[in-house]
Amino acid sequence: MKNYKIIIVVIILLLAGGVGYYFISKYDSTIPQSAVKNATKYDGNKTTINLDDLTYDGTGLSIENNTIYIVYGGTYELSGTTEANIVIETIDEEDVYLIFNGVSITSEEAPIYISQGDVYITLEDGTTNYIEYTKKYSETEEIDGAIYASDDLVIDGTGSLEVKSTYDGIVSKDTLTIENGTYVINASDDGIRGKDILTINNGNFEITSGGDALKSTNDTDAELGNIIINGGTFEITASGDGIAANTNVTIVDGTFNIKTGNGYTATSKAGDFGMWNNTTNKDSNDESIKGIKAGNLITISGGTFTLNTEDDGIHSNGNITISGGKFTISSTDDAIHADGLVEINGGEFTITASEGIEATYVKINDGNITIDATDDGINAGNKSNSYSTTVEINGGNVTIKMASGDTDGIDSNGNLYINGGTINITCNSPFDYDGEAKYNGGTLIVNGSQTTSITNQMMGGQMGGMQGNMNMAPQEGTQDNMPQGNMNRGMQENGQNNMQQGRGGRR
């Protein structure tokens, strides 16, 4: 019996030592053991921190080596100017509430580094706050944001916050929610990044970024990697994408003025007869300079959008659904592009672009759409196996003005259906289709004359028919990339299976 008791005592001591070792090692990498030891447990009263001389009234933290360590959950009000940084890692797993009441932090280390714990930052009404990250850029730096949170981060309040960073501006590795406030962000890389979900509920944003301005990056969970915007004013100048979500972008309202890259550059396809695409094609390399981009779905139900983009204005690798809003889009490439479906159920669109609207399936049910294009006004090209290649117009007012040369008002590499609405096209070639075309209703005006006939241009449809008549079927393995119904729409490079389309949509 005595030996049994000894064994139990030994096991208890081993477990206690293991837990103690785990606790110490867990926090050793971020907060020194001495800082944890010296921090008085938070007593429930707001702690006021004067950054001018690094003094504090209250408990829950410790200050060592020009760093403020917050180790207990609670409310902390900050004011003053410092070159110290703040590290947050709560050992009691309670939330931390930071009140910015006239804060100015400039640091070579991440000014606000949240290693563990959910944090809520409030911008006090009427205050101006400033955060600057000055560390020399390194690709191996893991803490790559001026405000960096490993867990959930919420920023609210009606004050203002300016962020400058040699890395990203505001980052959360989980969810990031911003409600109200005024933000001026100048970041060498991304402006605002929430890995799982970035949600913005109003606020005023002026963002200049060397990468993407607003970004969500989770690529391991199909339910995450989303951006949700429910209102706000956005002035964005981005070297990368303006708004980029790995999965979905949902915009309910807001005012968006977005410029990406060098912005819109007018191009002309006159005289090239569709053999080569002279327009910018950023999809052919790693560069992405789009206005609004998603990997799966873009849903827009309202807002005002002025997009001046070097690459596509609105782009989805999946689908796009637009039900309302006012859009002025100038794009060197496509104004609106989806690999799958573009469905427009309402809204006002003024488009100047190489191609106006492009997808595998373009479906227009309503809206006022004006397109001035140098390639195709509306194009359906085979980019997704989820949809048949089709242009379908059921309603709305669609006005298309095309540049001269081998350009088409509406070009479908599959079928074309006009069931309603008013379509007014001014161009040399109003229609080009490779499947069937049906006029079932609506008002159709071509070069000023009303008609009920959907003609097919010679080089697109009539000569395209030669593909079947001359048994010009694509070789095995090249069908997905082979231009359809046009002998001169592409060329095969070096005998490989990647075809460069001259028109009918880019890859």
Protein backbone atom coordinates (compact mmCIF):
# COMPACT_ATOMS: atom_id res chain seq x y z
CA MET A 1 0.00 0.00 0.00
CA LYS A 2 2.86 2.33 0.86
CA ASN A 3 4.48 1.77 -2.54
CA TYR A 4 1.13 2.47 -4.20
CA LYS A 5 0.90 5.85 -2.47
CA ILE A 6 4.43 6.72 -3.51
CA ILE A 7 3.62 5.94 -7.14
CA ILE A 8 0.53 8.19 -7.02
CA VAL A 9 2.58 11.06 -5.55
CA VAL A 10 5.24 10.67 -8.26
CA ILE A 11 2.60 10.73 -11.00
CA ILE A 12 1.03 13.87 -9.54
CA LEU A 13 4.40 15.60 -9.37
CA LEU A 14 5.19 14.62 -12.97
CA LEU A 15 1.84 15.94 -14.19
CA ALA A 16 2.27 19.16 -12.27
CA GLY A 17 5.76 19.59 -13.68
CA GLY A 18 4.49 18.90 -17.17
CA VAL A 19 1.72 21.44 -16.85
CA GLY A 20 4.13 23.97 -15.43
CA TYR A 21 6.60 23.35 -18.22
CA TYR A 22 3.81 23.66 -20.80
CA PHE A 23 2.66 26.93 -19.28
CA ILE A 24 6.15 28.43 -19.18
CA SER A 25 7.14 27.25 -22.65
CA LYS A 26 3.82 28.35 -24.12
CA TYR A 27 4.39 31.98 -23.19
CA ASP A 28 8.16 32.07 -23.31
CA SER A 29 8.30 32.73 -27.05
CA THR A 30 6.18 35.88 -26.86
CA ILE A 31 6.16 37.25 -23.33
CA PRO A 32 9.18 36.88 -21.02
CA GLN A 33 8.54 34.88 -17.88
CA SER A 34 9.51 37.88 -15.79
CA ALA A 35 6.83 39.99 -17.49
CA VAL A 36 4.19 37.37 -16.71
CA LYS A 37 5.43 37.10 -13.14
CA ASN A 38 5.45 40.88 -12.60
CA ALA A 39 1.98 41.49 -14.03
CA THR A 40 -0.58 42.05 -11.32
CA LYS A 41 -3.86 40.26 -11.97
CA TYR A 42 -6.48 42.50 -13.52
CA ASP A 43 -8.91 43.75 -10.86
CA GLY A 44 -11.86 44.68 -13.11
CA ASN A 45 -11.18 48.42 -13.23
CA LYS A 46 -10.06 50.18 -16.41
CA THR A 47 -6.29 50.51 -16.63
CA THR A 48 -5.06 53.86 -18.00
CA ILE A 49 -1.71 53.83 -19.80
CA ASN A 50 0.22 57.06 -20.45
CA LEU A 51 2.55 56.24 -23.33
CA ASP A 52 4.51 59.49 -22.98
CA ASP A 53 6.41 58.13 -19.98
CA LEU A 54 5.21 54.50 -20.03
CA THR A 55 3.34 54.76 -16.78
CA TYR A 56 0.06 53.11 -15.98
CA ASP A 57 -2.69 53.38 -13.44
CA GLY A 58 -4.15 49.97 -12.80
CA THR A 59 -3.25 46.34 -13.22
CA GLY A 60 -3.12 43.52 -15.74
CA LEU A 61 0.15 44.31 -17.46
CA SER A 62 3.88 44.84 -17.07
CA ILE A 63 6.43 47.01 -18.87
CA GLU A 64 9.87 45.69 -19.73
CA ASN A 65 12.52 46.70 -22.24
CA ASN A 66 10.38 49.36 -23.89
CA THR A 67 7.53 46.89 -24.44
CA ILE A 68 4.11 46.85 -22.82
CA TYR A 69 3.00 43.28 -22.07
CA ILE A 70 -0.73 42.82 -21.50
CA VAL A 71 -1.18 39.39 -19.94
CA TYR A 72 -4.65 39.61 -18.40
CA GLY A 73 -7.96 40.27 -20.10
CA GLY A 74 -9.62 43.59 -19.32
CA THR A 75 -10.00 47.18 -20.50
CA TYR A 76 -6.96 49.34 -21.20
CA GLU A 77 -7.10 52.99 -22.27
CA LEU A 78 -4.05 54.29 -24.11
CA SER A 79 -2.97 57.86 -24.79
CA GLY A 80 0.25 59.64 -25.63
CA THR A 81 3.26 59.05 -27.88
CA THR A 82 5.85 56.30 -27.71
CA GLU A 83 8.31 54.17 -29.65
CA ALA A 84 7.43 51.18 -27.48
CA ASN A 85 5.33 48.36 -28.82
CA ILE A 86 2.45 46.45 -27.24
CA VAL A 87 2.32 42.65 -26.99
CA ILE A 88 -0.93 40.99 -25.93
CA GLU A 89 -1.18 37.38 -24.78
CA THR A 90 -3.80 36.67 -22.14
CA ILE A 91 -2.97 33.86 -19.74
CA ASP A 92 -6.51 33.92 -18.35
CA GLU A 93 -7.99 33.55 -21.88
CA GLU A 94 -10.17 36.62 -21.32
CA ASP A 95 -10.82 39.26 -23.99
CA VAL A 96 -8.83 42.49 -24.14
CA TYR A 97 -10.44 45.87 -24.80
CA LEU A 98 -8.13 48.65 -25.99
CA ILE A 99 -9.37 52.23 -26.06
CA PHE A 100 -7.32 54.49 -28.35
CA ASN A 101 -7.60 57.98 -26.87
CA GLY A 102 -5.04 59.94 -28.88
CA VAL A 103 -2.41 57.23 -29.43
CA SER A 104 0.79 57.61 -31.45
CA ILE A 105 3.04 54.54 -31.68
CA THR A 106 6.06 54.32 -34.00
CA SER A 107 8.07 51.13 -33.62
CA GLU A 108 10.56 48.89 -35.39
CA GLU A 109 8.67 45.95 -33.93
CA ALA A 110 4.99 45.37 -34.66
CA PRO A 111 3.37 48.28 -32.75
CA ILE A 112 0.34 46.19 -31.76
CA TYR A 113 1.04 42.45 -31.68
CA ILE A 114 -1.79 40.23 -30.42
CA SER A 115 -0.26 36.81 -29.90
CA GLN A 116 -3.24 35.27 -28.16
CA GLY A 117 -6.75 36.33 -27.24
CA ASP A 118 -9.61 38.15 -28.92
CA VAL A 119 -9.10 41.92 -28.91
CA TYR A 120 -11.51 44.84 -29.34
CA ILE A 121 -10.07 48.23 -30.28
CA THR A 122 -12.24 51.32 -29.87
CA LEU A 123 -11.31 54.61 -31.53
CA GLU A 124 -12.51 57.17 -29.01
CA ASP A 125 -14.88 59.76 -30.43
CA GLY A 126 -13.05 62.87 -31.66
CA THR A 127 -9.55 61.40 -31.32
CA THR A 128 -6.79 61.05 -33.89
CA ASN A 129 -4.60 57.95 -33.55
CA TYR A 130 -1.43 56.94 -35.36
CA ILE A 131 0.35 53.59 -35.74
CA GLU A 132 3.58 53.17 -37.74
CA TYR A 133 5.60 50.01 -38.36
CA THR A 134 9.12 50.91 -39.49
CA LYS A 135 10.93 47.56 -39.53
CA LYS A 136 13.00 46.91 -42.64
CA TYR A 137 11.08 44.55 -44.89
CA SER A 138 11.98 40.86 -44.91
CA GLU A 139 10.08 38.08 -46.67
CA THR A 140 10.63 35.81 -43.66
CA GLU A 141 8.94 38.13 -41.15
CA GLU A 142 5.90 36.40 -39.65
CA ILE A 143 4.48 39.38 -37.76
CA ASP A 144 3.74 41.31 -40.93
CA GLY A 145 1.23 43.92 -39.84
CA ALA A 146 1.37 47.21 -37.96
CA ILE A 147 -1.64 45.90 -36.04
CA TYR A 148 -1.33 42.11 -36.07
CA ALA A 149 -3.76 39.70 -34.41
CA SER A 150 -3.38 35.93 -34.26
CA ASP A 151 -7.00 35.65 -33.09
CA ASP A 152 -10.20 37.60 -33.77
CA LEU A 153 -9.92 41.38 -33.96
CA VAL A 154 -12.71 43.97 -33.85
CA ILE A 155 -12.14 47.69 -34.41
CA ASP A 156 -14.98 50.14 -33.79
CA GLY A 157 -15.64 53.69 -32.63
CA THR A 158 -15.97 57.01 -34.41
CA GLY A 159 -12.43 58.32 -34.04
CA SER A 160 -9.73 58.15 -36.71
CA LEU A 161 -6.75 55.86 -37.20
CA GLU A 162 -3.78 56.37 -39.52
CA VAL A 163 -1.56 53.37 -40.21
CA LYS A 164 1.78 53.33 -42.03
CA SER A 165 3.65 50.10 -42.51
CA THR A 166 6.62 48.63 -44.31
CA TYR A 167 4.54 45.44 -44.29
CA ASP A 168 0.73 45.13 -44.13
CA GLY A 169 -1.49 47.63 -42.37
CA ILE A 170 -4.10 45.81 -40.23
CA VAL A 171 -4.02 42.00 -40.08
CA SER A 172 -6.03 39.26 -38.39
CA LYS A 173 -5.18 35.60 -38.83
CA ASP A 174 -8.79 34.76 -37.90
CA THR A 175 -11.72 37.15 -38.42
CA LEU A 176 -11.38 40.91 -38.70
CA THR A 177 -14.39 43.18 -38.20
CA ILE A 178 -14.34 46.96 -38.64
CA GLU A 179 -17.34 49.08 -37.68
CA ASN A 180 -17.36 52.83 -38.30
CA GLY A 181 -14.35 55.10 -37.86
CA THR A 182 -12.04 56.87 -40.29
CA TYR A 183 -8.96 55.06 -41.57
CA VAL A 184 -5.97 56.26 -43.59
CA ILE A 185 -3.70 53.35 -44.45
CA ASN A 186 -0.45 53.40 -46.39
CA ALA A 187 1.11 49.94 -46.58
CA SER A 188 3.98 48.56 -48.61
CA ASP A 189 2.00 45.36 -49.05
CA ASP A 190 -1.67 44.69 -48.17
CA GLY A 191 -3.80 47.38 -46.56
CA ILE A 192 -6.35 45.42 -44.49
CA ARG A 193 -6.29 41.62 -44.30
CA GLY A 194 -8.56 39.22 -42.46
CA LYS A 195 -7.64 35.62 -43.17
CA ASP A 196 -10.95 33.89 -42.45
CA ILE A 197 -13.47 36.72 -42.83
CA LEU A 198 -13.06 40.45 -43.32
CA THR A 199 -16.27 42.29 -42.44
CA ILE A 200 -16.69 46.05 -42.79
CA ASN A 201 -19.82 47.74 -41.45
CA ASN A 202 -19.49 51.38 -42.51
CA GLY A 203 -16.53 53.68 -42.01
CA ASN A 204 -14.36 55.90 -44.19
CA PHE A 205 -11.30 54.31 -45.74
CA GLU A 206 -8.41 55.81 -47.68
CA ILE A 207 -6.02 53.00 -48.60
CA THR A 208 -2.80 53.07 -50.60
CA SER A 209 -1.22 49.64 -50.88
CA GLY A 210 1.75 48.08 -52.64
CA GLY A 211 -0.24 44.83 -52.68
CA ASP A 212 -3.99 44.34 -52.28
CA ALA A 213 -6.05 46.93 -50.44
CA LEU A 214 -8.72 44.68 -48.82
CA LYS A 215 -7.99 40.98 -48.62
CA SER A 216 -9.16 37.63 -47.21
CA THR A 217 -6.87 34.68 -47.77
CA ASN A 218 -8.12 31.41 -46.21
CA ASP A 219 -7.71 28.72 -48.89
CA THR A 220 -8.18 25.61 -46.75
CA ASP A 221 -11.87 25.95 -45.78
CA ALA A 222 -14.55 26.44 -48.43
CA GLU A 223 -16.68 28.38 -45.94
CA LEU A 224 -13.96 30.94 -45.18
CA GLY A 225 -11.78 33.36 -47.11
CA ASN A 226 -14.64 35.88 -47.47
CA ILE A 227 -15.09 39.65 -47.57
CA ILE A 228 -18.41 41.19 -46.50
CA ILE A 229 -19.02 44.94 -46.88
CA ASN A 230 -22.25 46.46 -45.58
CA GLY A 231 -21.45 50.10 -46.28
CA GLY A 232 -18.73 52.70 -46.07
CA THR A 233 -16.68 54.99 -48.27
CA PHE A 234 -13.56 53.57 -49.91
CA GLU A 235 -10.82 55.49 -51.72
CA ILE A 236 -8.41 52.80 -52.89
CA THR A 237 -5.17 52.99 -54.86
CA ALA A 238 -3.60 49.54 -55.12
CA SER A 239 -0.63 48.11 -56.96
CA GLY A 240 -2.41 44.77 -56.67
CA ASP A 241 -6.14 44.09 -56.36
CA GLY A 242 -8.52 46.57 -54.81
CA ILE A 243 -10.72 43.99 -53.07
CA ALA A 244 -9.61 40.35 -53.15
CA ALA A 245 -11.20 37.34 -51.43
CA ASN A 246 -10.02 33.80 -51.84
CA THR A 247 -13.64 32.59 -51.73
CA ASN A 248 -16.55 35.09 -51.75
CA VAL A 249 -17.06 38.84 -51.91
CA THR A 250 -20.44 40.16 -50.74
CA ILE A 251 -21.20 43.89 -51.05
CA VAL A 252 -24.51 45.25 -49.83
CA ASP A 253 -23.77 48.97 -49.99
CA GLY A 254 -20.98 51.51 -50.03
CA THR A 255 -19.15 54.01 -52.21
CA PHE A 256 -16.06 52.62 -53.93
CA ASN A 257 -13.46 54.56 -55.89
CA ILE A 258 -10.82 52.01 -56.85
CA LYS A 259 -7.74 52.39 -59.04
CA THR A 260 -5.44 49.42 -59.63
CA GLY A 261 -2.02 49.46 -61.24
CA ASN A 262 -1.75 52.08 -63.95
CA GLY A 263 -5.50 52.18 -64.39
CA TYR A 264 -7.33 52.11 -67.69
CA THR A 265 -5.38 52.44 -70.92
CA ALA A 266 -7.32 52.67 -74.16
CA THR A 267 -6.54 49.92 -76.63
CA SER A 268 -7.63 49.32 -80.19
CA LYS A 269 -8.13 46.09 -82.09
CA ALA A 270 -8.85 47.74 -85.41
CA GLY A 271 -7.21 45.88 -88.26
CA ASP A 272 -5.89 42.90 -86.29
CA PHE A 273 -8.74 40.66 -87.49
CA GLY A 274 -8.81 38.83 -84.19
CA MET A 275 -5.55 36.96 -84.69
CA TRP A 276 -3.85 38.27 -81.57
CA ASN A 277 -5.20 39.85 -78.45
CA ASN A 278 -3.44 43.18 -78.07
CA THR A 279 -5.06 44.00 -74.76
CA THR A 280 -3.53 43.57 -71.33
CA ASN A 281 -3.85 40.04 -69.99
CA LYS A 282 -2.68 39.78 -66.39
CA ASP A 283 -4.09 36.27 -66.07
CA SER A 284 -1.17 34.95 -68.09
CA ASN A 285 1.24 35.57 -65.19
CA ASP A 286 1.28 35.89 -61.43
CA GLU A 287 0.25 39.53 -61.45
CA SER A 288 -3.31 40.44 -60.50
CA ILE A 289 -4.44 44.05 -60.71
CA LYS A 290 -8.21 43.71 -60.57
CA GLY A 291 -10.76 46.00 -58.98
CA ILE A 292 -12.91 43.43 -57.16
CA LYS A 293 -11.89 39.76 -57.25
CA ALA A 294 -13.12 36.48 -55.76
CA GLY A 295 -12.16 32.87 -56.20
CA ASN A 296 -15.74 31.59 -56.04
CA LEU A 297 -18.58 34.13 -55.97
CA ILE A 298 -19.13 37.88 -56.09
CA THR A 299 -22.55 39.13 -54.97
CA ILE A 300 -23.37 42.83 -55.22
CA SER A 301 -26.80 44.19 -54.30
CA GLY A 302 -26.10 47.91 -54.02
CA GLY A 303 -23.51 50.66 -53.86
CA THR A 304 -21.73 53.13 -56.12
CA PHE A 305 -18.61 51.90 -57.90
CA THR A 306 -16.00 53.82 -59.86
CA LEU A 307 -13.42 51.29 -61.02
CA ASN A 308 -10.32 52.34 -62.98
CA THR A 309 -8.36 49.14 -63.45
CA GLU A 310 -5.36 47.90 -65.36
CA ASP A 311 -6.81 44.40 -65.18
CA ASP A 312 -10.47 43.29 -64.93
CA GLY A 313 -12.85 45.61 -63.13
CA ILE A 314 -14.92 42.86 -61.44
CA HIS A 315 -13.56 39.31 -61.68
CA SER A 316 -14.59 35.91 -60.32
CA ASN A 317 -13.08 32.52 -61.00
CA GLY A 318 -16.61 31.25 -60.37
CA ASN A 319 -19.78 33.34 -60.64
CA ILE A 320 -20.94 36.96 -60.36
CA THR A 321 -24.45 38.09 -59.40
CA ILE A 322 -25.32 41.80 -59.48
CA SER A 323 -28.78 42.91 -58.41
CA GLY A 324 -28.31 46.65 -58.01
CA GLY A 325 -25.85 49.50 -57.76
CA LYS A 326 -24.31 52.11 -59.99
CA PHE A 327 -21.13 51.17 -61.84
CA THR A 328 -18.65 53.23 -63.85
CA ILE A 329 -15.97 50.82 -64.99
CA SER A 330 -12.89 51.63 -67.09
CA SER A 331 -10.75 48.56 -67.67
CA THR A 332 -7.85 47.78 -69.94
CA ASP A 333 -9.11 44.20 -69.93
CA ASP A 334 -12.66 43.03 -69.07
CA ALA A 335 -15.05 45.25 -67.16
CA ILE A 336 -16.96 42.27 -65.70
CA HIS A 337 -15.55 38.75 -65.98
CA ALA A 338 -16.56 35.39 -64.54
CA ASP A 339 -15.29 31.99 -65.56
CA GLY A 340 -18.77 30.60 -64.86
CA LEU A 341 -21.92 32.76 -64.76
CA VAL A 342 -22.45 36.51 -64.89
CA GLU A 343 -26.05 37.28 -63.93
CA ILE A 344 -27.27 40.89 -63.91
CA ASN A 345 -30.66 41.51 -62.33
CA GLY A 346 -30.48 45.29 -62.06
CA GLY A 347 -28.20 48.29 -61.73
CA GLU A 348 -26.74 51.02 -63.90
CA PHE A 349 -23.53 50.33 -65.82
CA THR A 350 -21.28 52.63 -67.83
CA ILE A 351 -18.45 50.53 -69.21
CA THR A 352 -15.34 51.44 -71.18
CA ALA A 353 -13.12 48.42 -71.69
CA SER A 354 -11.48 45.97 -74.04
CA GLU A 355 -14.40 43.61 -73.39
CA GLY A 356 -17.51 44.67 -71.54
CA ILE A 357 -19.02 41.52 -69.99
CA GLU A 358 -17.46 38.08 -70.34
CA ALA A 359 -18.32 34.65 -68.93
CA THR A 360 -19.21 31.16 -70.00
CA TYR A 361 -22.86 32.07 -69.41
CA VAL A 362 -23.91 35.74 -69.55
CA LYS A 363 -27.49 36.26 -68.34
CA ILE A 364 -29.03 39.75 -68.30
CA ASN A 365 -32.46 40.02 -66.72
CA ASP A 366 -32.63 43.75 -66.03
CA GLY A 367 -30.54 46.89 -65.67
CA ASN A 368 -29.31 49.80 -67.75
CA ILE A 369 -26.06 48.80 -69.40
CA THR A 370 -23.92 50.97 -71.69
CA ILE A 371 -20.78 49.40 -73.14
CA ASP A 372 -18.02 51.03 -75.19
CA ALA A 373 -15.58 48.27 -76.10
CA THR A 374 -12.63 47.62 -78.39
CA ASP A 375 -12.93 43.83 -78.53
CA ASP A 376 -16.34 42.31 -77.73
CA GLY A 377 -19.18 44.09 -76.01
CA ILE A 378 -20.66 40.93 -74.48
CA ASN A 379 -18.80 37.66 -74.84
CA ALA A 380 -19.55 34.05 -73.91
CA GLY A 381 -16.49 31.82 -74.06
CA ASN A 382 -16.00 28.31 -72.76
CA LYS A 383 -14.21 28.78 -69.43
CA SER A 384 -16.24 26.49 -67.15
CA ASN A 385 -17.76 23.05 -67.49
CA SER A 386 -20.56 24.07 -65.11
CA TYR A 387 -22.43 26.05 -67.77
CA SER A 388 -23.22 25.89 -71.46
CA THR A 389 -21.64 28.68 -73.46
CA THR A 390 -24.52 31.13 -73.82
CA VAL A 391 -25.57 34.76 -73.96
CA GLU A 392 -29.16 35.22 -72.75
CA ILE A 393 -30.88 38.60 -72.57
CA ASN A 394 -34.31 38.65 -70.94
CA GLY A 395 -34.76 42.32 -70.10
CA GLY A 396 -33.12 45.63 -69.36
CA ASN A 397 -31.65 48.26 -71.64
CA VAL A 398 -28.38 47.28 -73.29
CA THR A 399 -26.49 49.78 -75.45
CA ILE A 400 -23.27 48.63 -77.11
CA LYS A 401 -20.89 50.75 -79.16
CA MET A 402 -17.95 48.94 -80.69
CA ALA A 403 -14.64 50.03 -82.13
CA SER A 404 -13.88 49.32 -85.79
CA GLY A 405 -12.05 46.21 -86.91
CA ASP A 406 -12.74 42.58 -86.08
CA THR A 407 -15.00 43.32 -83.13
CA ASP A 408 -18.44 42.02 -82.18
CA GLY A 409 -21.26 43.60 -80.24
CA ILE A 410 -22.41 40.26 -78.83
CA ASP A 411 -20.13 37.27 -79.38
CA SER A 412 -21.06 33.78 -78.20
CA ASN A 413 -18.88 30.78 -78.77
CA GLY A 414 -22.08 28.86 -78.15
CA ASN A 415 -25.73 29.97 -78.19
CA LEU A 416 -27.42 33.39 -78.26
CA TYR A 417 -30.96 34.03 -76.99
CA ILE A 418 -32.74 37.39 -76.98
CA ASN A 419 -36.03 37.09 -75.10
CA GLY A 420 -36.74 40.67 -74.04
CA GLY A 421 -35.36 44.07 -73.20
CA THR A 422 -34.01 46.73 -75.53
CA ILE A 423 -30.71 46.04 -77.25
CA ASN A 424 -29.12 48.86 -79.26
CA ILE A 425 -25.86 47.98 -81.02
CA THR A 426 -23.63 50.22 -83.13
CA CYS A 427 -20.77 48.37 -84.79
CA ASN A 428 -19.57 46.58 -87.95
CA SER A 429 -20.48 43.17 -86.56
CA PRO A 430 -23.44 43.17 -84.19
CA PHE A 431 -23.52 39.38 -83.59
CA ASP A 432 -21.20 36.42 -83.78
CA TYR A 433 -22.27 32.97 -82.58
CA ASP A 434 -21.20 29.39 -83.10
CA GLY A 435 -24.32 27.56 -81.86
CA GLU A 436 -27.94 28.54 -82.33
CA ALA A 437 -29.45 32.02 -82.12
CA LYS A 438 -33.09 32.76 -81.29
CA TYR A 439 -34.95 36.05 -81.18
CA ASN A 440 -38.03 35.56 -78.99
CA GLY A 441 -38.91 39.13 -78.06
CA GLY A 442 -37.73 42.56 -77.07
CA THR A 443 -36.57 45.51 -79.15
CA LEU A 444 -33.47 45.00 -81.26
CA ILE A 445 -31.78 47.99 -82.93
CA VAL A 446 -28.69 47.60 -85.08
CA ASN A 447 -26.89 50.69 -86.40
CA GLY A 448 -30.01 52.78 -85.93
CA SER A 449 -32.49 50.38 -87.58
CA GLN A 450 -34.93 48.17 -85.71
CA THR A 451 -34.79 44.52 -86.69
CA THR A 452 -35.91 41.08 -85.62
CA SER A 453 -32.98 39.33 -87.27
CA ILE A 454 -29.90 38.07 -85.45
CA THR A 455 -27.31 38.08 -88.20
CA ASN A 456 -24.04 36.23 -87.97
CA GLN A 457 -20.85 37.92 -89.11
CA MET A 458 -18.94 36.16 -91.87
CA MET A 459 -15.66 35.60 -90.10
CA GLY A 460 -17.27 34.49 -86.85
CA GLY A 461 -20.29 32.41 -87.75
CA GLN A 462 -20.17 31.63 -91.47
CA MET A 463 -16.50 30.83 -91.57
CA GLY A 464 -16.76 29.36 -88.11
CA GLY A 465 -19.09 26.77 -89.60
CA MET A 466 -16.17 25.63 -91.68
CA GLN A 467 -14.71 24.16 -88.54
CA GLY A 468 -17.33 21.43 -88.64
CA ASN A 469 -17.58 21.21 -92.43
CA MET A 470 -13.84 20.79 -92.84
CA ASN A 471 -13.58 18.39 -89.89
CA MET A 472 -11.39 20.80 -87.98
CA ALA A 473 -12.08 19.24 -84.60
CA PRO A 474 -9.66 20.11 -81.82
CA GLN A 475 -7.00 17.59 -81.01
CA GLU A 476 -7.36 15.46 -77.92
CA GLY A 477 -6.27 17.34 -74.82
CA THR A 478 -6.78 20.79 -76.33
CA GLN A 479 -10.56 21.08 -76.37
CA ASP A 480 -10.82 23.29 -73.28
CA ASN A 481 -8.44 25.86 -74.73
CA MET A 482 -9.34 25.60 -78.42
CA PRO A 483 -11.07 28.66 -79.95
CA GLN A 484 -14.47 27.68 -81.31
CA GLY A 485 -16.01 28.61 -84.63
CA ASN A 486 -13.29 30.90 -85.91
CA MET A 487 -10.35 29.73 -87.93
CA ASN A 488 -8.27 32.76 -87.10
CA ARG A 489 -9.07 33.25 -83.46
CA GLY A 490 -5.95 31.72 -82.03
CA MET A 491 -2.63 30.19 -82.69
CA GLN A 492 -0.91 27.21 -81.13
CA GLU A 493 2.43 28.14 -79.62
CA ASN A 494 5.36 25.78 -80.10
CA GLY A 495 3.04 22.84 -80.58
CA GLN A 496 1.80 23.03 -77.00
CA ASN A 497 -1.77 22.68 -75.82
CA ASN A 498 -2.26 26.28 -74.73
CA MET A 499 -4.03 28.36 -77.32
CA GLN A 500 -3.95 32.14 -77.24
CA GLN A 501 -7.35 33.44 -78.26
CA GLY A 502 -7.57 36.48 -80.48
CA ARG A 503 -11.16 37.06 -79.44
CA GLY A 504 -14.09 35.25 -77.91
CA GLY A 505 -12.53 35.87 -74.51
CA ARG A 506 -9.17 35.48 -72.83
CA ARG A 507 -8.03 32.60 -70.75
